[in-house]
């Protein structure tokens, strides 16, 4: 069994903002597979599906970004999913808009959602699909991550979301992070 979790903040106020890149990528995946998040439990919206013959949980924590780990840990513990079978989709300010990077483990890089997941899972040994949102040039970090992409930026993000569908499918098929890094980084 695998867990694919997109990170973001719940509510219309945060819809389509840069910090909701994880939600947007997962929503794009769900749309491409004609799926929806049909369950509300474990402090998240989620669904459990058979994809390519494997049980897969698709999750959007509803705890707000800084407490994402509560939801991820609850569902991982309930279904007894090992950390190495978890893929977290997150925004990353240290990369250009739309750039993708896969990581197998490691520190949070200052991302509060990832800090929370490390804390609540008790390990940093879970996979990350990082999508660049660039560091702000003339505004505060909070203002930057809580505003939508402009049209030019959105095009780059849409391309990244399309690539994310392929990455998620490869992860579900059992390809490890080294394979994914070699193919997509």
N, C-alpha and C. Protein backbone atom coordinates (compact mmCIF):
# COMPACT_ATOMS: atom_id res chain seq x y z
N UNK A 1 0.85 -1.19 0.00
CA UNK A 1 0.00 0.00 0.00
C UNK A 1 0.88 1.23 0.00
N UNK A 2 0.42 2.26 -0.71
CA UNK A 2 1.16 3.52 -0.80
C UNK A 2 0.25 4.68 -0.39
N UNK A 3 0.87 5.75 0.10
CA UNK A 3 0.16 6.99 0.39
C UNK A 3 0.79 8.09 -0.47
N UNK A 4 -0.07 8.82 -1.17
CA UNK A 4 0.35 10.01 -1.90
C UNK A 4 -0.38 11.17 -1.22
N UNK A 5 0.36 12.09 -0.63
CA UNK A 5 -0.25 13.21 0.09
C UNK A 5 0.21 14.53 -0.50
N UNK A 6 -0.74 15.34 -0.91
CA UNK A 6 -0.45 16.70 -1.37
C UNK A 6 -0.66 17.66 -0.22
N UNK A 7 0.30 18.57 -0.03
CA UNK A 7 0.21 19.52 1.08
C UNK A 7 -0.39 20.85 0.65
N UNK A 8 -1.11 21.46 1.58
CA UNK A 8 -1.71 22.77 1.34
C UNK A 8 -2.50 23.22 2.55
N UNK A 9 -3.23 24.29 2.37
CA UNK A 9 -4.11 24.83 3.41
C UNK A 9 -5.55 24.69 2.97
N UNK A 10 -6.44 24.26 3.87
CA UNK A 10 -7.85 24.09 3.49
C UNK A 10 -8.57 25.42 3.38
N UNK A 11 -9.64 25.42 2.60
CA UNK A 11 -10.53 26.58 2.53
C UNK A 11 -10.33 27.41 1.27
N UNK A 12 -11.42 28.07 0.87
CA UNK A 12 -11.43 28.90 -0.33
C UNK A 12 -10.39 30.02 -0.28
N UNK A 13 -10.13 30.54 0.91
CA UNK A 13 -9.17 31.64 1.07
C UNK A 13 -7.79 31.28 0.50
N UNK A 14 -7.43 30.00 0.59
CA UNK A 14 -6.09 29.56 0.18
C UNK A 14 -6.08 28.83 -1.17
N UNK A 15 -7.26 28.63 -1.73
CA UNK A 15 -7.38 27.92 -2.99
C UNK A 15 -6.52 28.57 -4.07
N UNK A 16 -5.75 27.78 -4.79
CA UNK A 16 -4.91 28.23 -5.91
C UNK A 16 -3.72 29.10 -5.50
N UNK A 17 -3.40 29.17 -4.19
CA UNK A 17 -2.22 29.92 -3.77
C UNK A 17 -0.97 29.04 -3.91
N UNK A 18 0.19 29.68 -3.93
CA UNK A 18 1.45 28.96 -4.14
C UNK A 18 1.68 27.88 -3.08
N UNK A 19 1.28 28.17 -1.85
CA UNK A 19 1.49 27.19 -0.77
C UNK A 19 0.60 25.95 -0.95
N UNK A 20 -0.40 26.04 -1.83
CA UNK A 20 -1.27 24.90 -2.09
C UNK A 20 -0.84 24.10 -3.31
N UNK A 21 0.41 24.24 -3.69
CA UNK A 21 0.95 23.51 -4.84
C UNK A 21 0.73 22.01 -4.69
N UNK A 22 0.91 21.47 -3.51
CA UNK A 22 0.69 20.03 -3.28
C UNK A 22 -0.75 19.63 -3.55
N UNK A 23 -1.70 20.43 -3.06
CA UNK A 23 -3.12 20.17 -3.34
C UNK A 23 -3.39 20.21 -4.84
N UNK A 24 -2.85 21.25 -5.51
CA UNK A 24 -3.11 21.41 -6.94
C UNK A 24 -2.54 20.25 -7.75
N UNK A 25 -1.35 19.80 -7.39
CA UNK A 25 -0.74 18.66 -8.10
C UNK A 25 -1.57 17.40 -7.89
N UNK A 26 -2.02 17.16 -6.66
CA UNK A 26 -2.83 15.98 -6.39
C UNK A 26 -4.20 16.10 -7.07
N UNK A 27 -4.79 17.28 -7.06
CA UNK A 27 -6.06 17.48 -7.75
C UNK A 27 -5.92 17.19 -9.25
N UNK A 28 -4.80 17.60 -9.83
CA UNK A 28 -4.54 17.32 -11.25
C UNK A 28 -4.45 15.81 -11.48
N UNK A 29 -3.79 15.10 -10.55
CA UNK A 29 -3.69 13.64 -10.66
C UNK A 29 -5.08 13.01 -10.58
N UNK A 30 -5.86 13.43 -9.59
CA UNK A 30 -7.20 12.89 -9.41
C UNK A 30 -8.05 13.11 -10.67
N UNK A 31 -7.97 14.31 -11.21
CA UNK A 31 -8.74 14.63 -12.42
C UNK A 31 -8.31 13.73 -13.58
N UNK A 32 -7.00 13.49 -13.72
CA UNK A 32 -6.49 12.68 -14.82
C UNK A 32 -6.95 11.22 -14.72
N UNK A 33 -7.28 10.78 -13.52
CA UNK A 33 -7.72 9.39 -13.29
C UNK A 33 -9.23 9.30 -13.04
N UNK A 34 -9.92 10.45 -13.14
CA UNK A 34 -11.36 10.51 -12.88
C UNK A 34 -11.70 9.99 -11.47
N UNK A 35 -10.93 10.46 -10.49
CA UNK A 35 -11.11 10.09 -9.09
C UNK A 35 -11.45 11.33 -8.28
N UNK A 36 -11.96 11.10 -7.07
CA UNK A 36 -12.20 12.21 -6.15
C UNK A 36 -11.90 11.75 -4.72
N UNK A 37 -11.66 12.72 -3.88
CA UNK A 37 -11.43 12.45 -2.45
C UNK A 37 -12.81 12.33 -1.81
N UNK A 38 -13.20 11.10 -1.47
CA UNK A 38 -14.58 10.84 -1.04
C UNK A 38 -14.72 10.53 0.44
N UNK A 39 -13.63 10.64 1.20
CA UNK A 39 -13.69 10.34 2.63
C UNK A 39 -13.12 11.50 3.43
N UNK A 40 -13.70 11.72 4.62
CA UNK A 40 -13.22 12.73 5.57
C UNK A 40 -12.96 12.04 6.90
N UNK A 41 -11.71 11.78 7.17
CA UNK A 41 -11.29 11.15 8.41
C UNK A 41 -9.79 11.37 8.51
N UNK A 42 -9.22 11.13 9.65
CA UNK A 42 -7.78 11.30 9.86
C UNK A 42 -7.36 12.75 9.59
N UNK A 43 -8.26 13.70 9.89
CA UNK A 43 -8.00 15.13 9.68
C UNK A 43 -7.62 15.43 8.23
N UNK A 44 -8.26 14.71 7.29
CA UNK A 44 -7.97 14.96 5.89
C UNK A 44 -9.09 14.51 4.98
N UNK A 45 -9.04 14.99 3.74
CA UNK A 45 -9.88 14.46 2.66
C UNK A 45 -9.03 13.42 1.95
N UNK A 46 -9.61 12.23 1.70
CA UNK A 46 -8.82 11.16 1.11
C UNK A 46 -9.70 10.16 0.39
N UNK A 47 -9.05 9.29 -0.33
CA UNK A 47 -9.70 8.16 -0.98
C UNK A 47 -8.71 7.00 -1.01
N UNK A 48 -9.25 5.80 -1.00
CA UNK A 48 -8.42 4.60 -1.17
C UNK A 48 -8.87 3.94 -2.46
N UNK A 49 -7.92 3.71 -3.36
CA UNK A 49 -8.24 3.19 -4.68
C UNK A 49 -7.27 2.07 -5.06
N UNK A 50 -7.71 1.24 -5.98
CA UNK A 50 -6.81 0.28 -6.65
C UNK A 50 -6.30 0.98 -7.89
N UNK A 51 -5.01 1.19 -7.97
CA UNK A 51 -4.40 1.81 -9.14
C UNK A 51 -3.28 0.89 -9.60
N UNK A 52 -3.37 0.46 -10.84
CA UNK A 52 -2.38 -0.49 -11.38
C UNK A 52 -2.22 -1.71 -10.48
N UNK A 53 -3.33 -2.15 -9.90
CA UNK A 53 -3.32 -3.35 -9.07
C UNK A 53 -2.88 -3.15 -7.64
N UNK A 54 -2.50 -1.93 -7.27
CA UNK A 54 -2.03 -1.66 -5.91
C UNK A 54 -3.02 -0.79 -5.15
N UNK A 55 -3.12 -1.01 -3.82
CA UNK A 55 -3.92 -0.14 -2.97
C UNK A 55 -3.15 1.16 -2.77
N UNK A 56 -3.83 2.27 -3.03
CA UNK A 56 -3.21 3.58 -2.92
C UNK A 56 -4.17 4.51 -2.18
N UNK A 57 -3.63 5.23 -1.22
CA UNK A 57 -4.38 6.27 -0.51
C UNK A 57 -3.91 7.61 -1.04
N UNK A 58 -4.85 8.42 -1.47
CA UNK A 58 -4.58 9.77 -1.94
C UNK A 58 -5.16 10.72 -0.89
N UNK A 59 -4.35 11.62 -0.36
CA UNK A 59 -4.69 12.39 0.84
C UNK A 59 -4.36 13.87 0.68
N UNK A 60 -5.29 14.71 1.15
CA UNK A 60 -5.03 16.13 1.33
C UNK A 60 -5.34 16.47 2.79
N UNK A 61 -4.29 16.62 3.63
CA UNK A 61 -4.52 16.96 5.03
C UNK A 61 -5.31 18.26 5.14
N UNK A 62 -6.20 18.34 6.11
CA UNK A 62 -7.03 19.53 6.34
C UNK A 62 -6.64 20.21 7.65
N UNK A 63 -5.42 20.04 8.06
CA UNK A 63 -4.94 20.55 9.34
C UNK A 63 -4.26 21.91 9.23
N UNK A 64 -4.18 22.47 8.06
CA UNK A 64 -3.32 23.59 7.71
C UNK A 64 -1.90 23.07 7.61
N UNK A 65 -1.14 23.74 6.77
CA UNK A 65 0.20 23.28 6.37
C UNK A 65 1.07 22.88 7.55
N UNK A 66 1.14 23.73 8.56
CA UNK A 66 2.11 23.53 9.64
C UNK A 66 1.81 22.32 10.52
N UNK A 67 0.65 21.70 10.37
CA UNK A 67 0.30 20.50 11.15
C UNK A 67 -0.03 19.32 10.24
N UNK A 68 0.43 19.34 9.01
CA UNK A 68 0.16 18.26 8.04
C UNK A 68 0.54 16.89 8.57
N UNK A 69 1.56 16.84 9.38
CA UNK A 69 2.05 15.56 9.91
C UNK A 69 1.01 14.80 10.71
N UNK A 70 0.13 15.52 11.40
CA UNK A 70 -0.91 14.83 12.17
C UNK A 70 -1.74 13.94 11.27
N UNK A 71 -2.20 14.49 10.16
CA UNK A 71 -3.06 13.73 9.24
C UNK A 71 -2.28 12.59 8.58
N UNK A 72 -1.08 12.90 8.08
CA UNK A 72 -0.27 11.87 7.41
C UNK A 72 0.04 10.72 8.37
N UNK A 73 0.44 11.04 9.58
CA UNK A 73 0.79 10.00 10.55
C UNK A 73 -0.43 9.17 10.95
N UNK A 74 -1.59 9.82 11.14
CA UNK A 74 -2.80 9.07 11.51
C UNK A 74 -3.15 8.03 10.45
N UNK A 75 -3.15 8.43 9.20
CA UNK A 75 -3.56 7.51 8.14
C UNK A 75 -2.48 6.44 7.91
N UNK A 76 -1.20 6.84 8.01
CA UNK A 76 -0.10 5.86 7.85
C UNK A 76 -0.15 4.82 8.96
N UNK A 77 -0.38 5.26 10.19
CA UNK A 77 -0.45 4.33 11.32
C UNK A 77 -1.67 3.41 11.21
N UNK A 78 -2.81 3.96 10.83
CA UNK A 78 -4.03 3.15 10.73
C UNK A 78 -3.88 2.05 9.69
N UNK A 79 -3.33 2.40 8.52
CA UNK A 79 -3.20 1.42 7.43
C UNK A 79 -1.85 0.71 7.44
N UNK A 80 -1.00 1.01 8.44
CA UNK A 80 0.30 0.38 8.60
C UNK A 80 1.18 0.52 7.34
N UNK A 81 1.25 1.76 6.85
CA UNK A 81 2.06 2.08 5.68
C UNK A 81 3.43 2.54 6.15
N UNK A 82 4.47 1.92 5.60
CA UNK A 82 5.84 2.27 5.95
C UNK A 82 6.21 3.64 5.36
N UNK A 83 7.04 4.40 6.05
CA UNK A 83 7.43 5.73 5.55
C UNK A 83 7.98 5.70 4.11
N UNK A 84 8.72 4.67 3.76
CA UNK A 84 9.28 4.62 2.40
C UNK A 84 8.22 4.39 1.32
N UNK A 85 6.98 4.08 1.74
CA UNK A 85 5.86 3.93 0.81
C UNK A 85 4.96 5.18 0.78
N UNK A 86 5.50 6.28 1.30
CA UNK A 86 4.77 7.55 1.32
C UNK A 86 5.46 8.54 0.38
N UNK A 87 4.66 9.22 -0.43
CA UNK A 87 5.15 10.29 -1.30
C UNK A 87 4.40 11.57 -0.93
N UNK A 88 5.15 12.58 -0.50
CA UNK A 88 4.59 13.87 -0.13
C UNK A 88 4.84 14.85 -1.27
N UNK A 89 3.79 15.54 -1.70
CA UNK A 89 3.92 16.55 -2.74
C UNK A 89 3.89 17.91 -2.06
N UNK A 90 4.94 18.71 -2.27
CA UNK A 90 5.11 19.96 -1.55
C UNK A 90 5.60 21.07 -2.48
N UNK A 91 5.37 22.31 -2.05
CA UNK A 91 5.98 23.46 -2.73
C UNK A 91 7.40 23.64 -2.21
N UNK A 92 8.25 24.28 -3.01
CA UNK A 92 9.62 24.55 -2.59
C UNK A 92 10.06 25.92 -3.10
N UNK A 93 10.34 26.83 -2.17
CA UNK A 93 10.74 28.19 -2.53
C UNK A 93 12.18 28.28 -3.02
N UNK A 94 12.97 27.25 -2.82
CA UNK A 94 14.38 27.29 -3.20
C UNK A 94 14.62 26.82 -4.62
N UNK A 95 13.55 26.61 -5.39
CA UNK A 95 13.67 26.18 -6.77
C UNK A 95 12.85 27.11 -7.67
N UNK A 96 13.25 27.24 -8.93
CA UNK A 96 12.48 28.07 -9.86
C UNK A 96 11.05 27.55 -10.02
N UNK A 97 10.16 28.43 -10.40
CA UNK A 97 8.75 28.06 -10.57
C UNK A 97 8.62 26.93 -11.58
N UNK A 98 7.95 25.85 -11.13
CA UNK A 98 7.67 24.71 -11.99
C UNK A 98 8.75 23.65 -12.05
N UNK A 99 9.92 23.92 -11.47
CA UNK A 99 10.99 22.91 -11.46
C UNK A 99 10.60 21.79 -10.50
N UNK A 100 10.95 20.57 -10.89
CA UNK A 100 10.61 19.40 -10.07
C UNK A 100 11.88 18.74 -9.55
N UNK A 101 11.80 18.29 -8.30
CA UNK A 101 12.90 17.52 -7.72
C UNK A 101 12.30 16.44 -6.82
N UNK A 102 12.86 15.25 -6.92
CA UNK A 102 12.48 14.11 -6.07
C UNK A 102 13.54 13.95 -5.00
N UNK A 103 13.10 13.68 -3.78
CA UNK A 103 14.03 13.36 -2.69
C UNK A 103 13.52 12.14 -1.95
N UNK A 104 14.44 11.31 -1.51
CA UNK A 104 14.09 10.08 -0.80
C UNK A 104 13.93 10.32 0.70
N UNK A 105 14.61 11.32 1.22
CA UNK A 105 14.58 11.59 2.66
C UNK A 105 15.31 12.90 2.91
N UNK A 106 15.52 13.22 4.16
CA UNK A 106 16.30 14.40 4.49
C UNK A 106 15.55 15.37 5.37
N UNK A 107 16.24 16.44 5.71
CA UNK A 107 15.68 17.47 6.58
C UNK A 107 14.54 18.21 5.87
N UNK A 108 13.92 19.11 6.58
CA UNK A 108 12.73 19.81 6.08
C UNK A 108 13.05 20.92 5.10
N UNK A 109 14.27 21.42 5.10
CA UNK A 109 14.60 22.57 4.26
C UNK A 109 13.83 23.81 4.67
N UNK A 110 13.38 23.85 5.92
CA UNK A 110 12.63 25.00 6.43
C UNK A 110 11.14 24.96 6.13
N UNK A 111 10.68 23.90 5.46
CA UNK A 111 9.25 23.78 5.11
C UNK A 111 8.50 23.26 6.33
N UNK A 112 7.57 24.06 6.85
CA UNK A 112 6.88 23.70 8.09
C UNK A 112 6.00 22.46 7.96
N UNK A 113 5.41 22.23 6.80
CA UNK A 113 4.63 21.02 6.60
C UNK A 113 5.50 19.78 6.70
N UNK A 114 6.69 19.84 6.09
CA UNK A 114 7.62 18.70 6.14
C UNK A 114 8.16 18.52 7.56
N UNK A 115 8.46 19.62 8.25
CA UNK A 115 8.89 19.53 9.66
C UNK A 115 7.85 18.76 10.47
N UNK A 116 6.59 19.08 10.25
CA UNK A 116 5.49 18.45 10.97
C UNK A 116 5.41 16.95 10.66
N UNK A 117 5.59 16.59 9.40
CA UNK A 117 5.54 15.17 9.01
C UNK A 117 6.70 14.41 9.63
N UNK A 118 7.90 14.99 9.59
CA UNK A 118 9.07 14.35 10.22
C UNK A 118 8.79 14.13 11.71
N UNK A 119 8.26 15.15 12.36
CA UNK A 119 7.96 15.06 13.80
C UNK A 119 6.94 13.95 14.07
N UNK A 120 5.85 13.93 13.32
CA UNK A 120 4.75 13.02 13.63
C UNK A 120 4.97 11.60 13.14
N UNK A 121 5.75 11.42 12.07
CA UNK A 121 6.11 10.06 11.64
C UNK A 121 7.30 9.53 12.44
N UNK A 122 8.08 10.45 13.03
CA UNK A 122 9.25 10.05 13.80
C UNK A 122 10.43 9.67 12.91
N UNK A 123 10.39 10.10 11.64
CA UNK A 123 11.49 9.79 10.72
C UNK A 123 11.44 10.78 9.55
N UNK A 124 12.58 10.93 8.88
CA UNK A 124 12.62 11.74 7.66
C UNK A 124 12.75 10.84 6.43
N UNK A 125 12.55 9.55 6.61
CA UNK A 125 12.73 8.56 5.53
C UNK A 125 11.45 8.35 4.72
N UNK A 126 10.90 9.44 4.20
CA UNK A 126 9.75 9.35 3.30
C UNK A 126 10.09 10.16 2.04
N UNK A 127 9.43 9.85 0.94
CA UNK A 127 9.73 10.45 -0.35
C UNK A 127 9.03 11.79 -0.51
N UNK A 128 9.68 12.69 -1.25
CA UNK A 128 9.10 14.00 -1.50
C UNK A 128 9.14 14.29 -3.00
N UNK A 129 8.07 14.84 -3.48
CA UNK A 129 7.99 15.41 -4.82
C UNK A 129 7.88 16.91 -4.60
N UNK A 130 9.00 17.60 -4.86
CA UNK A 130 9.08 19.04 -4.61
C UNK A 130 8.85 19.78 -5.91
N UNK A 131 7.98 20.79 -5.85
CA UNK A 131 7.68 21.61 -7.02
C UNK A 131 8.03 23.06 -6.67
N UNK A 132 8.90 23.64 -7.48
CA UNK A 132 9.40 24.98 -7.21
C UNK A 132 8.34 26.07 -7.35
N UNK A 133 8.39 27.00 -6.38
CA UNK A 133 7.52 28.19 -6.46
C UNK A 133 8.36 29.48 -6.38
N UNK A 134 9.68 29.35 -6.35
CA UNK A 134 10.62 30.47 -6.31
C UNK A 134 10.50 31.28 -5.03
N UNK A 135 11.59 31.83 -4.62
CA UNK A 135 11.62 32.71 -3.45
C UNK A 135 11.14 34.10 -3.88
N UNK A 136 10.40 34.80 -3.02
CA UNK A 136 9.90 36.12 -3.40
C UNK A 136 11.05 37.12 -3.59
N UNK A 137 10.87 38.02 -4.55
CA UNK A 137 11.90 39.03 -4.80
C UNK A 137 11.62 40.32 -4.05
N UNK A 138 10.36 40.75 -4.04
CA UNK A 138 10.06 42.08 -3.48
C UNK A 138 8.96 42.04 -2.42
N UNK A 139 8.62 40.87 -1.94
CA UNK A 139 7.53 40.77 -0.97
C UNK A 139 7.92 39.80 0.14
N UNK A 140 7.16 39.76 1.20
CA UNK A 140 7.45 38.84 2.30
C UNK A 140 7.13 37.41 1.87
N UNK A 141 7.76 36.47 2.53
CA UNK A 141 7.53 35.06 2.25
C UNK A 141 6.05 34.71 2.44
N UNK A 142 5.44 35.18 3.53
CA UNK A 142 4.04 34.87 3.80
C UNK A 142 3.15 35.42 2.69
N UNK A 143 3.38 36.66 2.30
CA UNK A 143 2.58 37.23 1.20
C UNK A 143 2.77 36.44 -0.09
N UNK A 144 3.99 36.04 -0.37
CA UNK A 144 4.30 35.31 -1.60
C UNK A 144 3.57 33.97 -1.65
N UNK A 145 3.71 33.17 -0.60
CA UNK A 145 3.14 31.81 -0.66
C UNK A 145 1.61 31.82 -0.59
N UNK A 146 1.02 32.91 -0.12
CA UNK A 146 -0.43 32.97 0.01
C UNK A 146 -1.11 33.76 -1.11
N UNK A 147 -0.39 33.94 -2.23
CA UNK A 147 -0.98 34.57 -3.41
C UNK A 147 -0.96 33.57 -4.58
N UNK A 148 -1.89 33.74 -5.52
CA UNK A 148 -1.94 32.85 -6.69
C UNK A 148 -0.78 33.11 -7.65
N UNK A 149 -0.57 32.15 -8.55
CA UNK A 149 0.40 32.32 -9.63
C UNK A 149 -0.19 33.25 -10.68
N UNK A 150 0.66 34.05 -11.33
CA UNK A 150 0.18 34.82 -12.47
C UNK A 150 0.07 33.88 -13.68
N UNK A 151 -0.42 34.37 -14.80
CA UNK A 151 -0.70 33.52 -15.97
C UNK A 151 0.57 32.82 -16.48
N UNK A 152 1.66 33.55 -16.54
CA UNK A 152 2.93 32.97 -17.03
C UNK A 152 3.42 31.88 -16.07
N UNK A 153 3.36 32.16 -14.77
CA UNK A 153 3.77 31.19 -13.76
C UNK A 153 2.85 29.96 -13.78
N UNK A 154 1.55 30.19 -13.97
CA UNK A 154 0.59 29.08 -13.96
C UNK A 154 0.87 28.10 -15.09
N UNK A 155 1.29 28.61 -16.24
CA UNK A 155 1.63 27.72 -17.36
C UNK A 155 2.78 26.79 -16.97
N UNK A 156 3.81 27.34 -16.32
CA UNK A 156 4.93 26.51 -15.84
C UNK A 156 4.45 25.48 -14.82
N UNK A 157 3.56 25.91 -13.94
CA UNK A 157 3.03 24.99 -12.92
C UNK A 157 2.17 23.90 -13.56
N UNK A 158 1.37 24.25 -14.55
CA UNK A 158 0.54 23.24 -15.23
C UNK A 158 1.42 22.17 -15.86
N UNK A 159 2.54 22.58 -16.45
CA UNK A 159 3.49 21.60 -17.00
C UNK A 159 4.05 20.71 -15.89
N UNK A 160 4.37 21.32 -14.76
CA UNK A 160 4.89 20.55 -13.62
C UNK A 160 3.83 19.58 -13.10
N UNK A 161 2.58 20.02 -13.07
CA UNK A 161 1.50 19.14 -12.59
C UNK A 161 1.32 17.96 -13.54
N UNK A 162 1.45 18.19 -14.84
CA UNK A 162 1.35 17.08 -15.80
C UNK A 162 2.49 16.08 -15.61
N UNK A 163 3.70 16.58 -15.36
CA UNK A 163 4.83 15.69 -15.08
C UNK A 163 4.61 14.95 -13.76
N UNK A 164 3.99 15.61 -12.80
CA UNK A 164 3.71 14.98 -11.50
C UNK A 164 2.83 13.74 -11.65
N UNK A 165 1.90 13.76 -12.61
CA UNK A 165 1.05 12.59 -12.85
C UNK A 165 1.93 11.39 -13.20
N UNK A 166 2.91 11.60 -14.05
CA UNK A 166 3.82 10.51 -14.45
C UNK A 166 4.65 10.02 -13.26
N UNK A 167 5.11 10.97 -12.46
CA UNK A 167 5.92 10.61 -11.28
C UNK A 167 5.08 9.79 -10.30
N UNK A 168 3.86 10.23 -10.04
CA UNK A 168 2.99 9.50 -9.11
C UNK A 168 2.72 8.10 -9.64
N UNK A 169 2.42 7.98 -10.93
CA UNK A 169 2.19 6.65 -11.52
C UNK A 169 3.43 5.76 -11.38
N UNK A 170 4.61 6.32 -11.64
CA UNK A 170 5.85 5.54 -11.49
C UNK A 170 6.05 5.10 -10.04
N UNK A 171 5.75 5.99 -9.09
CA UNK A 171 5.89 5.66 -7.67
C UNK A 171 4.92 4.53 -7.31
N UNK A 172 3.69 4.63 -7.77
CA UNK A 172 2.69 3.60 -7.48
C UNK A 172 3.10 2.25 -8.08
N UNK A 173 3.72 2.30 -9.26
CA UNK A 173 4.17 1.06 -9.92
C UNK A 173 5.34 0.41 -9.19
N UNK A 174 5.89 1.09 -8.18
CA UNK A 174 6.94 0.48 -7.37
C UNK A 174 8.34 0.95 -7.66
N UNK A 175 8.48 1.95 -8.53
CA UNK A 175 9.81 2.49 -8.80
C UNK A 175 10.28 3.27 -7.57
N UNK A 176 11.54 3.01 -7.17
CA UNK A 176 12.05 3.67 -5.98
C UNK A 176 12.50 5.09 -6.29
N UNK A 177 12.86 5.80 -5.22
CA UNK A 177 13.20 7.22 -5.36
C UNK A 177 14.44 7.41 -6.23
N UNK A 178 15.39 6.47 -6.20
CA UNK A 178 16.58 6.61 -7.04
C UNK A 178 16.20 6.59 -8.51
N UNK A 179 15.31 5.68 -8.90
CA UNK A 179 14.81 5.63 -10.26
C UNK A 179 14.11 6.95 -10.63
N UNK A 180 13.26 7.43 -9.72
CA UNK A 180 12.52 8.66 -9.98
C UNK A 180 13.46 9.85 -10.09
N UNK A 181 14.48 9.91 -9.22
CA UNK A 181 15.45 11.00 -9.28
C UNK A 181 16.19 10.98 -10.62
N UNK A 182 16.64 9.81 -11.04
CA UNK A 182 17.37 9.69 -12.30
C UNK A 182 16.50 10.09 -13.48
N UNK A 183 15.23 9.77 -13.43
CA UNK A 183 14.34 10.04 -14.55
C UNK A 183 13.84 11.48 -14.58
N UNK A 184 13.56 12.08 -13.41
CA UNK A 184 12.86 13.37 -13.38
C UNK A 184 13.66 14.55 -12.84
N UNK A 185 14.70 14.33 -12.06
CA UNK A 185 15.45 15.47 -11.49
C UNK A 185 16.27 16.15 -12.58
